[in-house]
N, C-alpha and C. Protein backbone atom coordinates (compact mmCIF):
# COMPACT_ATOMS: atom_id res chain seq x y z
N MET A 1 -8.00 -3.49 -24.17
CA MET A 1 -7.51 -2.77 -25.32
C MET A 1 -5.98 -2.71 -25.25
N ALA A 2 -5.33 -2.96 -26.36
CA ALA A 2 -3.87 -2.96 -26.41
C ALA A 2 -3.35 -1.53 -26.35
N LYS A 3 -2.26 -1.37 -25.61
CA LYS A 3 -1.68 -0.03 -25.53
C LYS A 3 -0.62 0.15 -26.63
N PRO A 4 -0.46 1.35 -27.11
CA PRO A 4 0.49 1.60 -28.20
C PRO A 4 1.94 1.41 -27.75
N ASN A 5 2.76 0.93 -28.66
CA ASN A 5 4.17 0.73 -28.38
C ASN A 5 4.93 1.96 -28.88
N TYR A 6 5.07 2.95 -28.01
CA TYR A 6 5.69 4.20 -28.40
C TYR A 6 7.18 4.03 -28.70
N SER A 7 7.83 3.09 -28.05
CA SER A 7 9.25 2.86 -28.31
C SER A 7 9.47 2.41 -29.74
N PHE A 8 8.60 1.52 -30.22
CA PHE A 8 8.71 1.04 -31.60
C PHE A 8 8.50 2.19 -32.59
N GLU A 9 7.48 3.00 -32.34
CA GLU A 9 7.19 4.12 -33.23
C GLU A 9 8.34 5.11 -33.25
N LYS A 10 8.92 5.38 -32.10
CA LYS A 10 10.04 6.30 -32.02
C LYS A 10 11.23 5.76 -32.79
N ARG A 11 11.51 4.48 -32.63
CA ARG A 11 12.63 3.85 -33.33
C ARG A 11 12.42 3.92 -34.85
N GLN A 12 11.20 3.70 -35.30
CA GLN A 12 10.91 3.77 -36.72
C GLN A 12 11.13 5.19 -37.26
N ARG A 13 10.72 6.20 -36.48
CA ARG A 13 10.94 7.59 -36.89
C ARG A 13 12.43 7.89 -36.96
N GLU A 14 13.20 7.41 -35.97
CA GLU A 14 14.64 7.63 -35.96
C GLU A 14 15.31 6.97 -37.16
N LEU A 15 14.89 5.75 -37.50
CA LEU A 15 15.46 5.06 -38.66
C LEU A 15 15.14 5.80 -39.95
N ALA A 16 13.91 6.29 -40.07
CA ALA A 16 13.52 7.03 -41.28
C ALA A 16 14.34 8.31 -41.39
N LYS A 17 14.55 8.99 -40.27
CA LYS A 17 15.32 10.22 -40.26
C LYS A 17 16.78 9.94 -40.64
N LYS A 18 17.32 8.87 -40.10
CA LYS A 18 18.70 8.48 -40.38
C LYS A 18 18.87 8.12 -41.86
N LYS A 19 17.90 7.39 -42.41
CA LYS A 19 17.95 7.00 -43.82
C LYS A 19 17.90 8.24 -44.72
N LYS A 20 17.02 9.16 -44.40
CA LYS A 20 16.90 10.38 -45.19
C LYS A 20 18.18 11.20 -45.13
N LYS A 21 18.77 11.28 -43.95
CA LYS A 21 20.02 12.03 -43.79
C LYS A 21 21.16 11.38 -44.58
N GLU A 22 21.21 10.04 -44.55
CA GLU A 22 22.24 9.31 -45.30
C GLU A 22 22.06 9.51 -46.80
N GLU A 23 20.82 9.47 -47.29
CA GLU A 23 20.57 9.69 -48.71
C GLU A 23 20.99 11.09 -49.13
N LYS A 24 20.72 12.06 -48.28
CA LYS A 24 21.10 13.43 -48.58
C LYS A 24 22.63 13.56 -48.62
N ARG A 25 23.31 12.90 -47.68
CA ARG A 25 24.77 12.94 -47.64
C ARG A 25 25.35 12.30 -48.90
N MET A 26 24.77 11.17 -49.31
CA MET A 26 25.24 10.49 -50.51
C MET A 26 25.01 11.35 -51.76
N ARG A 27 23.86 12.01 -51.82
CA ARG A 27 23.55 12.86 -52.96
C ARG A 27 24.55 14.02 -53.04
N LYS A 28 24.84 14.64 -51.91
CA LYS A 28 25.80 15.74 -51.89
C LYS A 28 27.19 15.25 -52.26
N ALA A 29 27.56 14.06 -51.78
CA ALA A 29 28.87 13.50 -52.09
C ALA A 29 28.99 13.19 -53.58
N ALA A 30 27.92 12.69 -54.17
CA ALA A 30 27.92 12.38 -55.60
C ALA A 30 28.04 13.65 -56.43
N GLU A 31 27.38 14.70 -55.99
CA GLU A 31 27.44 15.97 -56.71
C GLU A 31 28.84 16.57 -56.66
N SER A 32 29.52 16.41 -55.53
CA SER A 32 30.86 17.00 -55.40
C SER A 32 31.97 16.06 -55.87
N GLY A 33 31.63 14.79 -56.15
CA GLY A 33 32.61 13.85 -56.66
C GLY A 33 33.42 13.16 -55.57
N ASN A 34 33.00 13.23 -54.33
CA ASN A 34 33.73 12.62 -53.22
C ASN A 34 33.13 11.29 -52.80
N LEU A 35 32.47 10.61 -53.69
CA LEU A 35 31.78 9.37 -53.36
C LEU A 35 32.75 8.28 -52.92
N ALA A 36 33.87 8.13 -53.55
CA ALA A 36 34.83 7.07 -53.20
C ALA A 36 35.38 7.28 -51.80
N GLN A 37 35.53 8.49 -51.38
CA GLN A 37 36.08 8.81 -50.06
C GLN A 37 35.11 8.39 -48.94
N ASP A 38 33.82 8.43 -49.19
CA ASP A 38 32.83 8.16 -48.17
C ASP A 38 32.41 6.69 -48.09
N ASP A 39 32.94 5.81 -48.91
CA ASP A 39 32.54 4.41 -48.92
C ASP A 39 32.80 3.72 -47.58
N ASP A 40 33.89 4.05 -46.90
CA ASP A 40 34.18 3.40 -45.62
C ASP A 40 33.16 3.80 -44.55
N ILE A 41 32.65 5.01 -44.59
CA ILE A 41 31.64 5.45 -43.63
C ILE A 41 30.33 4.70 -43.89
N THR A 42 29.96 4.54 -45.14
CA THR A 42 28.74 3.83 -45.50
C THR A 42 28.81 2.37 -45.06
N ALA A 43 29.96 1.74 -45.21
CA ALA A 43 30.11 0.34 -44.81
C ALA A 43 29.87 0.17 -43.32
N VAL A 44 30.34 1.10 -42.52
CA VAL A 44 30.14 1.03 -41.07
C VAL A 44 28.67 1.26 -40.74
N ALA A 45 28.04 2.23 -41.40
CA ALA A 45 26.63 2.53 -41.14
C ALA A 45 25.73 1.37 -41.55
N ASP A 46 26.09 0.65 -42.61
CA ASP A 46 25.27 -0.46 -43.07
C ASP A 46 25.39 -1.68 -42.17
N SER A 47 26.43 -1.76 -41.38
CA SER A 47 26.62 -2.93 -40.54
C SER A 47 25.82 -2.88 -39.24
N GLU A 48 25.17 -1.75 -38.96
CA GLU A 48 24.37 -1.63 -37.75
C GLU A 48 23.10 -2.47 -37.88
N PRO A 49 22.65 -3.05 -36.77
CA PRO A 49 21.41 -3.82 -36.82
C PRO A 49 20.22 -2.91 -37.11
N THR A 50 19.29 -3.40 -37.91
CA THR A 50 18.16 -2.56 -38.30
C THR A 50 16.88 -2.90 -37.54
N ALA A 51 16.81 -4.08 -36.97
CA ALA A 51 15.59 -4.46 -36.27
C ALA A 51 15.92 -4.80 -34.82
N THR A 52 15.07 -4.30 -33.95
CA THR A 52 15.23 -4.64 -32.54
C THR A 52 13.91 -5.17 -32.03
N THR A 53 13.98 -5.91 -30.98
CA THR A 53 12.74 -6.43 -30.38
C THR A 53 12.58 -5.79 -29.00
N ASP A 54 11.53 -5.02 -28.87
CA ASP A 54 11.21 -4.40 -27.59
C ASP A 54 10.19 -5.26 -26.88
N VAL A 55 10.56 -5.78 -25.73
CA VAL A 55 9.64 -6.57 -24.94
C VAL A 55 9.40 -5.81 -23.65
N GLU A 56 8.17 -5.37 -23.49
CA GLU A 56 7.83 -4.60 -22.30
C GLU A 56 6.78 -5.30 -21.50
């Protein structure tokens, strides 16, 4: 029987949490009108790799 890959599941939860937090930040920035100021932060966040390969 195959054992579960907990590292993969944890990484997926972390990515989902990070995405939700980023969406909330963008929504708040749009409401306050500071969207242009935050574009450089978004560019850095988008350049991070999204997929990793866990070999155990």
